[in-house]
Amino acid sequence: MNEQHLREQLERLATELNTLPADNDKRASIDALIADIELQLNEGVADDSLVDQVEAAVSSFEVEHPRIAGVLNNILTTLGNIGV
């Protein structure tokens, strides 16, 4: 259930990122983060550094893009719930 919720949040994050210009550096870093989370989910391995990466992304987006930061916070909570 929690992994499914995490996948749904990743899809929502990808949708929110579409509101950013394609050349936005922050968008590229979040795209890479999404890919990393999905890779680790598919492999069944969770790296503790994911939490640090998501926390950094929240800080990066919270002022200019609060909706994206909100989705990232949800992802952070879900990662905690699944033991990452």
N, C-alpha and C. Protein backbone atom coordinates (compact mmCIF):
# COMPACT_ATOMS: atom_id res chain seq x y z
N MET A 1 0.83 -1.20 0.00
CA MET A 1 0.00 0.00 0.00
C MET A 1 0.87 1.26 0.00
N ASN A 2 1.85 1.32 0.89
CA ASN A 2 2.68 2.52 0.96
C ASN A 2 3.52 2.71 -0.29
N GLU A 3 4.01 1.61 -0.86
CA GLU A 3 4.77 1.74 -2.11
C GLU A 3 3.88 2.26 -3.23
N GLN A 4 2.64 1.80 -3.27
CA GLN A 4 1.70 2.29 -4.27
C GLN A 4 1.44 3.78 -4.07
N HIS A 5 1.27 4.17 -2.82
CA HIS A 5 1.06 5.59 -2.51
C HIS A 5 2.28 6.40 -2.94
N LEU A 6 3.47 5.86 -2.71
CA LEU A 6 4.69 6.56 -3.12
C LEU A 6 4.74 6.71 -4.64
N ARG A 7 4.37 5.67 -5.36
CA ARG A 7 4.36 5.75 -6.83
C ARG A 7 3.34 6.80 -7.31
N GLU A 8 2.19 6.86 -6.64
CA GLU A 8 1.19 7.87 -6.99
C GLU A 8 1.73 9.27 -6.74
N GLN A 9 2.45 9.46 -5.63
CA GLN A 9 3.02 10.76 -5.32
C GLN A 9 4.11 11.13 -6.34
N LEU A 10 4.87 10.14 -6.79
CA LEU A 10 5.89 10.41 -7.82
C LEU A 10 5.24 10.84 -9.12
N GLU A 11 4.13 10.23 -9.46
CA GLU A 11 3.39 10.64 -10.67
C GLU A 11 2.86 12.05 -10.51
N ARG A 12 2.34 12.36 -9.33
CA ARG A 12 1.83 13.71 -9.08
C ARG A 12 2.97 14.73 -9.16
N LEU A 13 4.12 14.36 -8.62
CA LEU A 13 5.28 15.25 -8.69
C LEU A 13 5.69 15.50 -10.14
N ALA A 14 5.70 14.45 -10.94
CA ALA A 14 6.04 14.60 -12.36
C ALA A 14 5.05 15.54 -13.05
N THR A 15 3.79 15.42 -12.71
CA THR A 15 2.77 16.30 -13.28
C THR A 15 3.01 17.75 -12.87
N GLU A 16 3.31 17.97 -11.61
CA GLU A 16 3.59 19.32 -11.12
C GLU A 16 4.84 19.89 -11.79
N LEU A 17 5.83 19.05 -12.05
CA LEU A 17 7.06 19.53 -12.68
C LEU A 17 6.81 20.03 -14.10
N ASN A 18 5.76 19.52 -14.72
CA ASN A 18 5.44 19.98 -16.07
C ASN A 18 5.05 21.45 -16.11
N THR A 19 4.79 22.04 -14.95
CA THR A 19 4.46 23.46 -14.90
C THR A 19 5.72 24.33 -14.94
N LEU A 20 6.88 23.71 -14.75
CA LEU A 20 8.14 24.44 -14.79
C LEU A 20 8.68 24.48 -16.21
N PRO A 21 9.43 25.52 -16.55
CA PRO A 21 10.08 25.54 -17.88
C PRO A 21 11.03 24.36 -18.03
N ALA A 22 11.13 23.82 -19.22
CA ALA A 22 11.94 22.64 -19.47
C ALA A 22 13.42 22.87 -19.16
N ASP A 23 13.88 24.12 -19.27
CA ASP A 23 15.29 24.40 -19.03
C ASP A 23 15.61 24.72 -17.58
N ASN A 24 14.65 24.57 -16.71
CA ASN A 24 14.85 24.86 -15.30
C ASN A 24 15.78 23.81 -14.68
N ASP A 25 16.88 24.27 -14.07
CA ASP A 25 17.85 23.35 -13.46
C ASP A 25 17.23 22.54 -12.33
N LYS A 26 16.33 23.15 -11.60
CA LYS A 26 15.68 22.44 -10.50
C LYS A 26 14.84 21.29 -11.04
N ARG A 27 14.22 21.51 -12.16
CA ARG A 27 13.40 20.45 -12.76
C ARG A 27 14.27 19.23 -13.09
N ALA A 28 15.43 19.47 -13.64
CA ALA A 28 16.34 18.38 -13.98
C ALA A 28 16.75 17.60 -12.74
N SER A 29 17.00 18.31 -11.64
CA SER A 29 17.42 17.61 -10.42
C SER A 29 16.28 16.78 -9.84
N ILE A 30 15.05 17.26 -9.95
CA ILE A 30 13.92 16.50 -9.45
C ILE A 30 13.62 15.31 -10.36
N ASP A 31 13.78 15.50 -11.66
CA ASP A 31 13.62 14.37 -12.58
C ASP A 31 14.61 13.25 -12.21
N ALA A 32 15.83 13.63 -11.89
CA ALA A 32 16.85 12.64 -11.50
C ALA A 32 16.48 11.98 -10.17
N LEU A 33 15.94 12.76 -9.25
CA LEU A 33 15.51 12.22 -7.96
C LEU A 33 14.36 11.22 -8.14
N ILE A 34 13.40 11.57 -8.98
CA ILE A 34 12.27 10.66 -9.27
C ILE A 34 12.81 9.35 -9.84
N ALA A 35 13.72 9.45 -10.78
CA ALA A 35 14.30 8.24 -11.39
C ALA A 35 15.02 7.40 -10.35
N ASP A 36 15.74 8.04 -9.44
CA ASP A 36 16.46 7.32 -8.41
C ASP A 36 15.50 6.61 -7.45
N ILE A 37 14.44 7.29 -7.04
CA ILE A 37 13.45 6.67 -6.15
C ILE A 37 12.78 5.49 -6.84
N GLU A 38 12.39 5.68 -8.10
CA GLU A 38 11.74 4.59 -8.84
C GLU A 38 12.67 3.39 -9.00
N LEU A 39 13.94 3.65 -9.27
CA LEU A 39 14.92 2.58 -9.41
C LEU A 39 15.03 1.79 -8.11
N GLN A 40 15.14 2.51 -7.02
CA GLN A 40 15.27 1.83 -5.73
C GLN A 40 14.00 1.08 -5.35
N LEU A 41 12.84 1.62 -5.71
CA LEU A 41 11.59 0.90 -5.46
C LEU A 41 11.54 -0.39 -6.26
N ASN A 42 11.92 -0.31 -7.52
CA ASN A 42 11.89 -1.49 -8.38
C ASN A 42 12.88 -2.55 -7.93
N GLU A 43 14.00 -2.13 -7.35
CA GLU A 43 15.00 -3.08 -6.88
C GLU A 43 14.71 -3.56 -5.47
N GLY A 44 13.76 -2.93 -4.80
CA GLY A 44 13.42 -3.32 -3.44
C GLY A 44 14.47 -2.91 -2.42
N VAL A 45 15.29 -1.94 -2.79
CA VAL A 45 16.34 -1.45 -1.92
C VAL A 45 16.10 0.04 -1.70
N ALA A 46 16.27 0.46 -0.46
CA ALA A 46 16.07 1.88 -0.17
C ALA A 46 17.32 2.44 0.49
N ASP A 47 17.88 3.45 -0.10
CA ASP A 47 19.08 4.10 0.38
C ASP A 47 18.69 5.26 1.29
N ASP A 48 19.32 5.34 2.46
CA ASP A 48 19.01 6.42 3.40
C ASP A 48 19.28 7.81 2.82
N SER A 49 20.13 7.89 1.83
CA SER A 49 20.44 9.20 1.25
C SER A 49 19.23 9.78 0.52
N LEU A 50 18.25 8.93 0.18
CA LEU A 50 17.03 9.43 -0.48
C LEU A 50 16.34 10.48 0.39
N VAL A 51 16.28 10.23 1.67
CA VAL A 51 15.62 11.17 2.58
C VAL A 51 16.34 12.51 2.52
N ASP A 52 17.66 12.48 2.55
CA ASP A 52 18.43 13.73 2.49
C ASP A 52 18.18 14.46 1.17
N GLN A 53 18.11 13.71 0.09
CA GLN A 53 17.88 14.31 -1.22
C GLN A 53 16.49 14.95 -1.29
N VAL A 54 15.49 14.26 -0.76
CA VAL A 54 14.14 14.81 -0.79
C VAL A 54 14.04 16.03 0.11
N GLU A 55 14.67 15.97 1.28
CA GLU A 55 14.67 17.14 2.17
C GLU A 55 15.31 18.35 1.50
N ALA A 56 16.40 18.13 0.81
CA ALA A 56 17.07 19.22 0.09
C ALA A 56 16.17 19.78 -1.00
N ALA A 57 15.45 18.91 -1.68
CA ALA A 57 14.53 19.34 -2.74
C ALA A 57 13.39 20.17 -2.16
N VAL A 58 12.87 19.75 -1.00
CA VAL A 58 11.80 20.52 -0.34
C VAL A 58 12.29 21.93 -0.07
N SER A 59 13.47 22.04 0.52
CA SER A 59 14.04 23.36 0.81
C SER A 59 14.22 24.20 -0.44
N SER A 60 14.60 23.55 -1.52
CA SER A 60 14.84 24.24 -2.77
C SER A 60 13.56 24.80 -3.40
N PHE A 61 12.45 24.10 -3.19
CA PHE A 61 11.21 24.47 -3.86
C PHE A 61 10.20 25.21 -2.99
N GLU A 62 10.34 25.19 -1.67
CA GLU A 62 9.26 25.65 -0.81
C GLU A 62 8.86 27.11 -1.00
N VAL A 63 9.77 27.96 -1.39
CA VAL A 63 9.43 29.38 -1.54
C VAL A 63 8.77 29.65 -2.89
N GLU A 64 9.41 29.21 -3.97
CA GLU A 64 8.93 29.54 -5.30
C GLU A 64 7.85 28.60 -5.83
N HIS A 65 7.86 27.36 -5.35
CA HIS A 65 6.92 26.35 -5.86
C HIS A 65 6.36 25.53 -4.71
N PRO A 66 5.48 26.13 -3.90
CA PRO A 66 4.99 25.44 -2.71
C PRO A 66 4.20 24.16 -3.00
N ARG A 67 3.54 24.07 -4.14
CA ARG A 67 2.80 22.83 -4.45
C ARG A 67 3.78 21.68 -4.67
N ILE A 68 4.87 21.95 -5.36
CA ILE A 68 5.88 20.92 -5.56
C ILE A 68 6.50 20.54 -4.22
N ALA A 69 6.79 21.52 -3.39
CA ALA A 69 7.34 21.24 -2.06
C ALA A 69 6.37 20.40 -1.24
N GLY A 70 5.07 20.65 -1.38
CA GLY A 70 4.07 19.86 -0.66
C GLY A 70 4.08 18.40 -1.10
N VAL A 71 4.19 18.17 -2.39
CA VAL A 71 4.25 16.79 -2.89
C VAL A 71 5.53 16.13 -2.40
N LEU A 72 6.63 16.86 -2.42
CA LEU A 72 7.89 16.32 -1.92
C LEU A 72 7.79 15.97 -0.43
N ASN A 73 7.09 16.80 0.34
CA ASN A 73 6.88 16.49 1.75
C ASN A 73 6.08 15.20 1.91
N ASN A 74 5.07 15.01 1.06
CA ASN A 74 4.29 13.77 1.11
C ASN A 74 5.17 12.57 0.79
N ILE A 75 6.05 12.73 -0.18
CA ILE A 75 6.98 11.65 -0.54
C ILE A 75 7.91 11.35 0.64
N LEU A 76 8.38 12.39 1.29
CA LEU A 76 9.24 12.23 2.44
C LEU A 76 8.53 11.45 3.56
N THR A 77 7.29 11.79 3.81
CA THR A 77 6.49 11.08 4.83
C THR A 77 6.30 9.62 4.44
N THR A 78 5.99 9.37 3.19
CA THR A 78 5.77 8.01 2.72
C THR A 78 7.06 7.19 2.82
N LEU A 79 8.19 7.80 2.47
CA LEU A 79 9.47 7.10 2.62
C LEU A 79 9.69 6.70 4.08
N GLY A 80 9.36 7.59 4.99
CA GLY A 80 9.47 7.27 6.41
C GLY A 80 8.55 6.13 6.82
N ASN A 81 7.36 6.12 6.25
CA ASN A 81 6.39 5.08 6.59
C ASN A 81 6.81 3.70 6.09
N ILE A 82 7.60 3.67 5.01
CA ILE A 82 8.04 2.37 4.50
C ILE A 82 9.43 2.00 5.03
N GLY A 83 9.92 2.80 5.95
CA GLY A 83 11.15 2.45 6.64
C GLY A 83 12.44 2.94 6.03
N VAL A 84 12.36 3.98 5.24
CA VAL A 84 13.58 4.53 4.64
C VAL A 84 14.09 5.63 5.53
